[in-house]
Amino acid sequence: MARAEGAHCDPTDLALVAIGESAPTTIFDLHMRSCPSCSAELDALAEVVDLGRAARADRAYAQPPGAVWASVQEAVAAGTPVTASGSSRGGPARGWLVAALVALVLAMIAIALMVLA
């Protein structure tokens, strides 16, 4: 979880902390306290993780209609391509992470709506 002074946390590090696969370091904790952007991103990732863990694996869910998957594919395809800009805000992996999270949230909402129906 190395981080250059003044740089934001690596999106992969944030995701690993959110899912509990990596323990935050002291430097990471200090940065999270002073950076609203990284803190908000970690909170959003943690919320998605909580939603995923709340889904019951032992329950049989109905297959969502094809329109749901079409919506997910459109949302992923509509993502803004990430280009190298010399910024420390992340690279192409960040774009894929955001797209994957959007797809996951949309799929979970669709499943929840079908279960509640």
N, C-alpha and C. Protein backbone atom coordinates (compact mmCIF):
# COMPACT_ATOMS: atom_id res chain seq x y z
N MET A 1 0.82 -1.19 0.00
CA MET A 1 0.00 0.00 0.00
C MET A 1 0.86 1.25 0.00
N ALA A 2 1.90 1.20 -0.76
CA ALA A 2 2.76 2.37 -0.86
C ALA A 2 2.01 3.49 -1.55
N ARG A 3 2.29 4.72 -1.12
CA ARG A 3 1.58 5.87 -1.65
C ARG A 3 2.54 7.04 -1.62
N ALA A 4 2.65 7.72 -2.75
CA ALA A 4 3.51 8.90 -2.81
C ALA A 4 2.87 10.04 -2.02
N GLU A 5 3.69 10.88 -1.45
CA GLU A 5 3.20 12.02 -0.68
C GLU A 5 2.26 12.86 -1.53
N GLY A 6 1.08 13.13 -1.04
CA GLY A 6 0.11 13.96 -1.75
C GLY A 6 -0.72 13.20 -2.77
N ALA A 7 -0.39 11.93 -3.01
CA ALA A 7 -1.13 11.14 -3.99
C ALA A 7 -2.33 10.47 -3.32
N HIS A 8 -3.28 10.09 -4.15
CA HIS A 8 -4.44 9.37 -3.64
C HIS A 8 -4.12 7.88 -3.56
N CYS A 9 -4.94 7.16 -2.83
CA CYS A 9 -4.74 5.72 -2.68
C CYS A 9 -4.98 5.01 -4.00
N ASP A 10 -4.24 3.95 -4.22
CA ASP A 10 -4.43 3.14 -5.40
C ASP A 10 -5.81 2.47 -5.33
N PRO A 11 -6.59 2.50 -6.41
CA PRO A 11 -7.93 1.89 -6.40
C PRO A 11 -7.91 0.40 -6.03
N THR A 12 -6.87 -0.30 -6.43
CA THR A 12 -6.78 -1.71 -6.08
C THR A 12 -6.60 -1.88 -4.57
N ASP A 13 -5.78 -1.02 -3.96
CA ASP A 13 -5.61 -1.07 -2.50
C ASP A 13 -6.92 -0.79 -1.79
N LEU A 14 -7.67 0.19 -2.28
CA LEU A 14 -8.97 0.51 -1.68
C LEU A 14 -9.91 -0.69 -1.77
N ALA A 15 -9.95 -1.33 -2.93
CA ALA A 15 -10.83 -2.49 -3.12
C ALA A 15 -10.42 -3.63 -2.19
N LEU A 16 -9.12 -3.88 -2.07
CA LEU A 16 -8.65 -4.97 -1.20
C LEU A 16 -8.99 -4.70 0.26
N VAL A 17 -8.88 -3.46 0.70
CA VAL A 17 -9.25 -3.12 2.08
C VAL A 17 -10.76 -3.28 2.25
N ALA A 18 -11.54 -2.84 1.27
CA ALA A 18 -13.00 -2.92 1.36
C ALA A 18 -13.49 -4.36 1.50
N ILE A 19 -12.84 -5.29 0.79
CA ILE A 19 -13.28 -6.68 0.88
C ILE A 19 -12.58 -7.45 2.00
N GLY A 20 -11.69 -6.79 2.71
CA GLY A 20 -11.03 -7.42 3.85
C GLY A 20 -9.85 -8.30 3.48
N GLU A 21 -9.36 -8.18 2.27
CA GLU A 21 -8.22 -9.00 1.83
C GLU A 21 -6.88 -8.37 2.19
N SER A 22 -6.89 -7.12 2.61
CA SER A 22 -5.66 -6.42 2.95
C SER A 22 -5.92 -5.54 4.17
N ALA A 23 -5.00 -5.56 5.10
CA ALA A 23 -5.14 -4.72 6.29
C ALA A 23 -4.56 -3.34 5.99
N PRO A 24 -5.29 -2.29 6.38
CA PRO A 24 -4.76 -0.94 6.14
C PRO A 24 -3.51 -0.67 6.96
N THR A 25 -2.58 0.05 6.38
CA THR A 25 -1.36 0.44 7.08
C THR A 25 -1.61 1.75 7.82
N THR A 26 -0.67 2.14 8.65
CA THR A 26 -0.78 3.41 9.38
C THR A 26 -0.84 4.58 8.41
N ILE A 27 0.00 4.54 7.37
CA ILE A 27 0.00 5.62 6.37
C ILE A 27 -1.35 5.68 5.67
N PHE A 28 -1.91 4.51 5.34
CA PHE A 28 -3.22 4.44 4.69
C PHE A 28 -4.27 5.07 5.60
N ASP A 29 -4.28 4.68 6.88
CA ASP A 29 -5.26 5.23 7.84
C ASP A 29 -5.13 6.74 7.95
N LEU A 30 -3.91 7.24 8.04
CA LEU A 30 -3.70 8.69 8.14
C LEU A 30 -4.22 9.39 6.89
N HIS A 31 -3.95 8.83 5.73
CA HIS A 31 -4.42 9.43 4.48
C HIS A 31 -5.95 9.42 4.44
N MET A 32 -6.57 8.34 4.85
CA MET A 32 -8.03 8.25 4.81
C MET A 32 -8.68 9.31 5.70
N ARG A 33 -8.04 9.63 6.80
CA ARG A 33 -8.58 10.66 7.70
C ARG A 33 -8.49 12.05 7.10
N SER A 34 -7.53 12.26 6.21
CA SER A 34 -7.31 13.61 5.67
C SER A 34 -7.75 13.78 4.22
N CYS A 35 -8.23 12.72 3.58
CA CYS A 35 -8.61 12.81 2.16
C CYS A 35 -10.07 12.41 1.97
N PRO A 36 -10.96 13.39 1.82
CA PRO A 36 -12.37 13.08 1.64
C PRO A 36 -12.64 12.24 0.38
N SER A 37 -11.85 12.44 -0.66
CA SER A 37 -12.06 11.71 -1.91
C SER A 37 -11.81 10.21 -1.72
N CYS A 38 -10.67 9.86 -1.16
CA CYS A 38 -10.34 8.45 -0.95
C CYS A 38 -11.27 7.82 0.09
N SER A 39 -11.59 8.58 1.12
CA SER A 39 -12.49 8.09 2.15
C SER A 39 -13.87 7.79 1.58
N ALA A 40 -14.38 8.68 0.73
CA ALA A 40 -15.69 8.46 0.10
C ALA A 40 -15.65 7.26 -0.83
N GLU A 41 -14.54 7.10 -1.55
CA GLU A 41 -14.43 5.95 -2.46
C GLU A 41 -14.40 4.65 -1.68
N LEU A 42 -13.67 4.62 -0.56
CA LEU A 42 -13.64 3.42 0.27
C LEU A 42 -15.02 3.13 0.85
N ASP A 43 -15.73 4.16 1.29
CA ASP A 43 -17.08 3.97 1.82
C ASP A 43 -18.00 3.38 0.76
N ALA A 44 -17.91 3.88 -0.47
CA ALA A 44 -18.75 3.36 -1.56
C ALA A 44 -18.42 1.90 -1.85
N LEU A 45 -17.13 1.57 -1.88
CA LEU A 45 -16.74 0.19 -2.11
C LEU A 45 -17.22 -0.72 -0.98
N ALA A 46 -17.10 -0.25 0.25
CA ALA A 46 -17.55 -1.04 1.40
C ALA A 46 -19.05 -1.28 1.34
N GLU A 47 -19.80 -0.29 0.85
CA GLU A 47 -21.25 -0.44 0.72
C GLU A 47 -21.59 -1.54 -0.29
N VAL A 48 -20.87 -1.57 -1.40
CA VAL A 48 -21.09 -2.61 -2.40
C VAL A 48 -20.73 -3.98 -1.83
N VAL A 49 -19.64 -4.05 -1.07
CA VAL A 49 -19.24 -5.31 -0.44
C VAL A 49 -20.33 -5.77 0.52
N ASP A 50 -20.86 -4.85 1.32
CA ASP A 50 -21.93 -5.19 2.26
C ASP A 50 -23.16 -5.73 1.53
N LEU A 51 -23.52 -5.10 0.41
CA LEU A 51 -24.66 -5.57 -0.38
C LEU A 51 -24.40 -6.98 -0.90
N GLY A 52 -23.20 -7.20 -1.38
CA GLY A 52 -22.86 -8.53 -1.88
C GLY A 52 -22.90 -9.59 -0.79
N ARG A 53 -22.41 -9.25 0.37
CA ARG A 53 -22.41 -10.21 1.47
C ARG A 53 -23.80 -10.43 2.04
N ALA A 54 -24.68 -9.44 1.89
CA ALA A 54 -26.04 -9.57 2.39
C ALA A 54 -26.87 -10.51 1.52
N ALA A 55 -26.47 -10.68 0.27
CA ALA A 55 -27.20 -11.59 -0.62
C ALA A 55 -27.05 -13.01 -0.08
N ARG A 56 -28.13 -13.70 -0.06
CA ARG A 56 -28.11 -15.04 0.50
C ARG A 56 -27.67 -16.04 -0.56
N ALA A 57 -26.54 -16.67 -0.32
CA ALA A 57 -26.00 -17.64 -1.27
C ALA A 57 -26.82 -18.92 -1.30
N ASP A 58 -27.55 -19.20 -0.21
CA ASP A 58 -28.31 -20.45 -0.14
C ASP A 58 -29.69 -20.33 -0.79
N ARG A 59 -30.00 -19.19 -1.32
CA ARG A 59 -31.32 -18.97 -1.91
C ARG A 59 -31.24 -19.05 -3.43
N ALA A 60 -32.21 -19.68 -4.04
CA ALA A 60 -32.26 -19.77 -5.50
C ALA A 60 -32.94 -18.51 -6.03
N TYR A 61 -32.23 -17.75 -6.83
CA TYR A 61 -32.76 -16.53 -7.41
C TYR A 61 -33.19 -16.78 -8.85
N ALA A 62 -34.25 -16.11 -9.24
CA ALA A 62 -34.72 -16.22 -10.62
C ALA A 62 -33.74 -15.51 -11.55
N GLN A 63 -33.64 -16.01 -12.75
CA GLN A 63 -32.77 -15.38 -13.76
C GLN A 63 -33.41 -14.07 -14.19
N PRO A 64 -32.69 -12.96 -14.12
CA PRO A 64 -33.26 -11.68 -14.57
C PRO A 64 -33.57 -11.72 -16.06
N PRO A 65 -34.56 -10.94 -16.49
CA PRO A 65 -34.88 -10.90 -17.92
C PRO A 65 -33.69 -10.37 -18.73
N GLY A 66 -33.67 -10.69 -20.01
CA GLY A 66 -32.59 -10.25 -20.89
C GLY A 66 -32.40 -8.75 -20.90
N ALA A 67 -33.49 -8.00 -20.70
CA ALA A 67 -33.40 -6.53 -20.71
C ALA A 67 -32.50 -6.03 -19.58
N VAL A 68 -32.48 -6.75 -18.47
CA VAL A 68 -31.62 -6.34 -17.34
C VAL A 68 -30.16 -6.45 -17.76
N TRP A 69 -29.80 -7.58 -18.36
CA TRP A 69 -28.41 -7.76 -18.77
C TRP A 69 -28.04 -6.77 -19.86
N ALA A 70 -29.00 -6.46 -20.74
CA ALA A 70 -28.73 -5.46 -21.78
C ALA A 70 -28.43 -4.11 -21.14
N SER A 71 -29.18 -3.76 -20.08
CA SER A 71 -28.94 -2.49 -19.38
C SER A 71 -27.56 -2.48 -18.73
N VAL A 72 -27.18 -3.60 -18.15
CA VAL A 72 -25.87 -3.69 -17.51
C VAL A 72 -24.77 -3.52 -18.56
N GLN A 73 -24.92 -4.20 -19.71
CA GLN A 73 -23.92 -4.09 -20.77
C GLN A 73 -23.84 -2.67 -21.31
N GLU A 74 -24.99 -2.00 -21.45
CA GLU A 74 -24.99 -0.61 -21.92
C GLU A 74 -24.28 0.30 -20.92
N ALA A 75 -24.54 0.09 -19.62
CA ALA A 75 -23.91 0.92 -18.59
C ALA A 75 -22.39 0.74 -18.61
N VAL A 76 -21.95 -0.50 -18.76
CA VAL A 76 -20.51 -0.76 -18.80
C VAL A 76 -19.90 -0.16 -20.07
N ALA A 77 -20.58 -0.33 -21.20
CA ALA A 77 -20.07 0.19 -22.47
C ALA A 77 -20.05 1.71 -22.49
N ALA A 78 -20.95 2.36 -21.75
CA ALA A 78 -21.03 3.82 -21.74
C ALA A 78 -19.96 4.45 -20.87
N GLY A 79 -19.21 3.64 -20.12
CA GLY A 79 -18.16 4.18 -19.25
C GLY A 79 -17.15 4.98 -20.05
N THR A 80 -16.69 6.06 -19.47
CA THR A 80 -15.70 6.91 -20.12
C THR A 80 -14.36 6.19 -20.14
N PRO A 81 -13.74 6.07 -21.32
CA PRO A 81 -12.44 5.40 -21.37
C PRO A 81 -11.40 6.16 -20.54
N VAL A 82 -10.57 5.42 -19.87
CA VAL A 82 -9.53 6.01 -19.05
C VAL A 82 -8.26 6.10 -19.89
N THR A 83 -7.64 7.27 -19.91
CA THR A 83 -6.40 7.45 -20.65
C THR A 83 -5.31 7.89 -19.69
N ALA A 84 -4.08 7.60 -20.04
CA ALA A 84 -2.96 8.02 -19.21
C ALA A 84 -2.85 9.54 -19.26
N SER A 85 -2.85 10.16 -18.10
CA SER A 85 -2.75 11.61 -18.06
C SER A 85 -1.63 12.08 -17.15
N GLY A 86 -0.88 11.15 -16.62
CA GLY A 86 0.18 11.52 -15.70
C GLY A 86 -0.36 11.76 -14.29
N SER A 87 -1.64 11.60 -14.12
CA SER A 87 -2.27 11.81 -12.83
C SER A 87 -2.01 10.61 -11.93
N SER A 88 -2.00 10.82 -10.64
CA SER A 88 -1.82 9.73 -9.70
C SER A 88 -3.17 9.17 -9.26
N ARG A 89 -4.25 9.55 -9.93
CA ARG A 89 -5.58 9.10 -9.55
C ARG A 89 -5.89 7.68 -9.98
N GLY A 90 -4.99 7.01 -10.63
CA GLY A 90 -5.24 5.64 -11.03
C GLY A 90 -5.07 5.49 -12.53
N GLY A 91 -5.07 4.29 -12.99
CA GLY A 91 -4.90 4.03 -14.41
C GLY A 91 -6.10 3.31 -14.96
N PRO A 92 -5.90 2.56 -16.02
CA PRO A 92 -7.01 1.84 -16.64
C PRO A 92 -7.72 0.89 -15.67
N ALA A 93 -7.01 0.38 -14.69
CA ALA A 93 -7.65 -0.52 -13.72
C ALA A 93 -8.78 0.19 -12.99
N ARG A 94 -8.64 1.47 -12.75
CA ARG A 94 -9.69 2.22 -12.05
C ARG A 94 -10.96 2.24 -12.89
N GLY A 95 -10.83 2.44 -14.20
CA GLY A 95 -12.00 2.45 -15.07
C GLY A 95 -12.72 1.11 -15.04
N TRP A 96 -11.97 0.03 -15.09
CA TRP A 96 -12.58 -1.30 -15.03
C TRP A 96 -13.20 -1.55 -13.67
N LEU A 97 -12.58 -1.08 -12.62
CA LEU A 97 -13.13 -1.26 -11.28
C LEU A 97 -14.47 -0.55 -11.16
N VAL A 98 -14.53 0.68 -11.62
CA VAL A 98 -15.78 1.44 -11.56
C VAL A 98 -16.85 0.75 -12.41
N ALA A 99 -16.49 0.33 -13.62
CA ALA A 99 -17.46 -0.35 -14.49
C ALA A 99 -17.96 -1.64 -13.86
N ALA A 100 -17.06 -2.39 -13.24
CA ALA A 100 -17.45 -3.64 -12.60
C ALA A 100 -18.36 -3.37 -11.41
N LEU A 101 -18.08 -2.34 -10.64
CA LEU A 101 -18.93 -2.00 -9.51
C LEU A 101 -20.31 -1.56 -9.97
N VAL A 102 -20.38 -0.77 -11.04
CA VAL A 102 -21.67 -0.36 -11.59
C VAL A 102 -22.47 -1.58 -12.03
N ALA A 103 -21.82 -2.49 -12.73
CA ALA A 103 -22.49 -3.70 -13.20
C ALA A 103 -22.97 -4.54 -12.02
N LEU A 104 -22.15 -4.67 -10.98
CA LEU A 104 -22.52 -5.44 -9.81
C LEU A 104 -23.72 -4.83 -9.11
N VAL A 105 -23.70 -3.53 -8.91
CA VAL A 105 -24.82 -2.86 -8.24
C VAL A 105 -26.10 -3.01 -9.05
N LEU A 106 -26.03 -2.82 -10.37
CA LEU A 106 -27.22 -2.97 -11.21
C LEU A 106 -27.76 -4.39 -11.15
N ALA A 107 -26.89 -5.37 -11.19
CA ALA A 107 -27.32 -6.77 -11.12
C ALA A 107 -27.96 -7.07 -9.77
N MET A 108 -27.38 -6.56 -8.69
CA MET A 108 -27.93 -6.80 -7.36
C MET A 108 -29.29 -6.13 -7.20
N ILE A 109 -29.46 -4.94 -7.75
CA ILE A 109 -30.76 -4.26 -7.69
C ILE A 109 -31.79 -5.07 -8.47
N ALA A 110 -31.42 -5.56 -9.64
CA ALA A 110 -32.34 -6.36 -10.45
C ALA A 110 -32.76 -7.62 -9.70
N ILE A 111 -31.82 -8.29 -9.07
CA ILE A 111 -32.14 -9.50 -8.32
C ILE A 111 -33.04 -9.17 -7.14
N ALA A 112 -32.73 -8.10 -6.43
CA ALA A 112 -33.56 -7.70 -5.28
C ALA A 112 -34.98 -7.38 -5.72
N LEU A 113 -35.13 -6.69 -6.83
CA LEU A 113 -36.47 -6.37 -7.34
C LEU A 113 -37.24 -7.63 -7.72
N MET A 114 -36.55 -8.59 -8.29
CA MET A 114 -37.22 -9.83 -8.67
C MET A 114 -37.62 -10.64 -7.45
N VAL A 115 -36.79 -10.64 -6.43
CA VAL A 115 -37.10 -11.37 -5.21
C VAL A 115 -38.28 -10.74 -4.49
N LEU A 116 -38.34 -9.42 -4.49
CA LEU A 116 -39.42 -8.71 -3.81
C LEU A 116 -40.73 -8.78 -4.58
N ALA A 117 -40.67 -9.06 -5.87
CA ALA A 117 -41.89 -9.09 -6.69
C ALA A 117 -42.72 -10.32 -6.42
